[in-house]
């Protein structure tokens, strides 16, 4: 973490310690307990899912959450724009 923090500062970026998360990738059959990493005065917690560049990743790299989120968003937008779509079809 120290090297990462040095790189971030050298590139004039900032790490939000309160929002920083860690995820451990494991095989599907292996279940891990929650892990906490202490960096400075902050405890960084491990999480089962993270969002990075608008994609959801889980600890087993299955992507079920990503597929569900995309399908939910698509259905919402289709229902929301139903009248506009129907006017083009007629």
C-alpha atoms as a PDB file:
ATOM      1  CA  UNK A   1       0.000   0.000   0.000  1.00  0.00           C
ATOM      2  CA  UNK A   2       2.905   2.343   0.636  1.00  0.00           C
ATOM      3  CA  UNK A   3       4.101   2.036  -2.968  1.00  0.00           C
ATOM      4  CA  UNK A   4       0.584   2.649  -4.251  1.00  0.00           C
ATOM      5  CA  UNK A   5       0.235   5.750  -2.084  1.00  0.00           C
ATOM      6  CA  UNK A   6       3.607   7.063  -3.349  1.00  0.00           C
ATOM      7  CA  UNK A   7       2.547   6.505  -6.983  1.00  0.00           C
ATOM      8  CA  UNK A   8      -0.784   8.259  -6.406  1.00  0.00           C
ATOM      9  CA  UNK A   9       0.872  11.266  -4.790  1.00  0.00           C
ATOM     10  CA  UNK A  10       3.603  11.417  -7.482  1.00  0.00           C
ATOM     11  CA  UNK A  11       0.836  11.621 -10.123  1.00  0.00           C
ATOM     12  CA  UNK A  12      -0.992  14.356  -8.202  1.00  0.00           C
ATOM     13  CA  UNK A  13      -3.947  12.113  -7.337  1.00  0.00           C
ATOM     14  CA  UNK A  14      -5.601  11.484  -4.001  1.00  0.00           C
ATOM     15  CA  UNK A  15      -6.721   8.318  -2.234  1.00  0.00           C
ATOM     16  CA  UNK A  16      -9.935   8.552  -0.246  1.00  0.00           C
ATOM     17  CA  UNK A  17      -9.020   6.275   2.676  1.00  0.00           C
ATOM     18  CA  UNK A  18     -12.608   6.107   3.910  1.00  0.00           C
ATOM     19  CA  UNK A  19     -13.844   4.692   0.567  1.00  0.00           C
ATOM     20  CA  UNK A  20     -10.891   2.417  -0.217  1.00  0.00           C
ATOM     21  CA  UNK A  21     -11.764  -1.277  -0.365  1.00  0.00           C
ATOM     22  CA  UNK A  22      -9.836  -4.493  -0.876  1.00  0.00           C
ATOM     23  CA  UNK A  23     -11.085  -7.647  -2.577  1.00  0.00           C
ATOM     24  CA  UNK A  24      -9.491 -11.078  -2.539  1.00  0.00           C
ATOM     25  CA  UNK A  25     -10.155 -13.245  -5.594  1.00  0.00           C
ATOM     26  CA  UNK A  26     -10.734 -16.921  -4.830  1.00  0.00           C
ATOM     27  CA  UNK A  27     -11.997 -20.053  -6.581  1.00  0.00           C
ATOM     28  CA  UNK A  28     -15.760 -20.502  -6.435  1.00  0.00           C
ATOM     29  CA  UNK A  29     -15.576 -23.440  -4.015  1.00  0.00           C
ATOM     30  CA  UNK A  30     -13.433 -21.520  -1.508  1.00  0.00           C
ATOM     31  CA  UNK A  31     -15.148 -19.206   0.955  1.00  0.00           C
ATOM     32  CA  UNK A  32     -13.083 -16.565   2.736  1.00  0.00           C
ATOM     33  CA  UNK A  33     -13.917 -14.688   5.877  1.00  0.00           C
ATOM     34  CA  UNK A  34     -13.769 -10.929   5.817  1.00  0.00           C
ATOM     35  CA  UNK A  35     -10.253  -9.507   6.017  1.00  0.00           C
ATOM     36  CA  UNK A  36      -9.196  -6.083   7.232  1.00  0.00           C
ATOM     37  CA  UNK A  37      -5.935  -4.372   6.281  1.00  0.00           C
ATOM     38  CA  UNK A  38      -4.614  -1.496   8.388  1.00  0.00           C
ATOM     39  CA  UNK A  39      -2.983   1.337   6.442  1.00  0.00           C
ATOM     40  CA  UNK A  40      -1.969   4.278   8.573  1.00  0.00           C
ATOM     41  CA  UNK A  41      -4.877   5.003  10.886  1.00  0.00           C
ATOM     42  CA  UNK A  42      -7.511   3.429   8.610  1.00  0.00           C
ATOM     43  CA  UNK A  43      -8.755  -0.158   8.513  1.00  0.00           C
ATOM     44  CA  UNK A  44      -9.507  -1.097   4.916  1.00  0.00           C
ATOM     45  CA  UNK A  45     -12.201  -3.756   4.786  1.00  0.00           C
ATOM     46  CA  UNK A  46     -12.515  -6.576   2.317  1.00  0.00           C
ATOM     47  CA  UNK A  47     -15.722  -6.714   0.321  1.00  0.00           C
ATOM     48  CA  UNK A  48     -17.367  -9.445  -1.788  1.00  0.00           C
ATOM     49  CA  UNK A  49     -18.178  -7.071  -4.712  1.00  0.00           C
ATOM     50  CA  UNK A  50     -16.601  -3.907  -6.108  1.00  0.00           C
ATOM     51  CA  UNK A  51     -17.540  -1.490  -8.872  1.00  0.00           C
ATOM     52  CA  UNK A  52     -14.692  -0.354 -11.073  1.00  0.00           C
ATOM     53  CA  UNK A  53     -15.164   1.626 -14.283  1.00  0.00           C
ATOM     54  CA  UNK A  54     -18.903   0.895 -14.201  1.00  0.00           C
ATOM     55  CA  UNK A  55     -18.423  -2.888 -14.022  1.00  0.00           C
ATOM     56  CA  UNK A  56     -19.272  -5.025 -11.005  1.00  0.00           C
ATOM     57  CA  UNK A  57     -16.733  -7.650 -10.018  1.00  0.00           C
ATOM     58  CA  UNK A  58     -17.144 -10.324  -7.366  1.00  0.00           C
ATOM     59  CA  UNK A  59     -14.554 -12.352  -5.498  1.00  0.00           C
ATOM     60  CA  UNK A  60     -15.050 -15.393  -7.766  1.00  0.00           C
ATOM     61  CA  UNK A  61     -15.078 -13.387 -11.061  1.00  0.00           C
ATOM     62  CA  UNK A  62     -18.505 -14.809 -11.959  1.00  0.00           C
ATOM     63  CA  UNK A  63     -20.035 -11.449 -12.984  1.00  0.00           C
ATOM     64  CA  UNK A  64     -23.607 -12.458 -11.993  1.00  0.00           C
ATOM     65  CA  UNK A  65     -24.081  -9.087 -10.293  1.00  0.00           C
ATOM     66  CA  UNK A  66     -22.925  -7.271 -13.446  1.00  0.00           C
ATOM     67  CA  UNK A  67     -25.340  -9.192 -15.674  1.00  0.00           C
ATOM     68  CA  UNK A  68     -28.215  -8.570 -13.252  1.00  0.00           C
ATOM     69  CA  UNK A  69     -27.420  -4.834 -13.059  1.00  0.00           C
ATOM     70  CA  UNK A  70     -27.266  -4.491 -16.857  1.00  0.00           C
ATOM     71  CA  UNK A  71     -30.549  -6.383 -17.343  1.00  0.00           C
ATOM     72  CA  UNK A  72     -32.287  -4.321 -14.652  1.00  0.00           C
ATOM     73  CA  UNK A  73     -31.046  -1.059 -16.170  1.00  0.00           C
ATOM     74  CA  UNK A  74     -32.040  -2.138 -19.685  1.00  0.00           C
ATOM     75  CA  UNK A  75     -35.572  -3.087 -18.615  1.00  0.00           C
ATOM     76  CA  UNK A  76     -35.954   0.222 -16.768  1.00  0.00           C
ATOM     77  CA  UNK A  77     -34.898   2.263 -19.798  1.00  0.00           C
ATOM     78  CA  UNK A  78     -37.058   0.248 -22.193  1.00  0.00           C
ATOM     79  CA  UNK A  79     -40.128   0.721 -19.979  1.00  0.00           C
ATOM     80  CA  UNK A  80     -39.304   4.385 -19.488  1.00  0.00           C
ATOM     81  CA  UNK A  81     -39.027   4.974 -23.237  1.00  0.00           C
ATOM     82  CA  UNK A  82     -41.841   2.660 -24.296  1.00  0.00           C
ATOM     83  CA  UNK A  83     -44.004   5.396 -25.810  1.00  0.00           C
ATOM     84  CA  UNK A  84     -41.116   6.815 -27.815  1.00  0.00           C
ATOM     85  CA  UNK A  85     -40.176   3.373 -29.133  1.00  0.00           C
ATOM     86  CA  UNK A  86     -43.782   2.513 -30.050  1.00  0.00           C
ATOM     87  CA  UNK A  87     -44.185   5.755 -32.009  1.00  0.00           C
ATOM     88  CA  UNK A  88     -41.249   4.753 -34.247  1.00  0.00           C
ATOM     89  CA  UNK A  89     -42.620   1.261 -34.816  1.00  0.00           C
ATOM     90  CA  UNK A  90     -46.103   2.382 -35.935  1.00  0.00           C
END
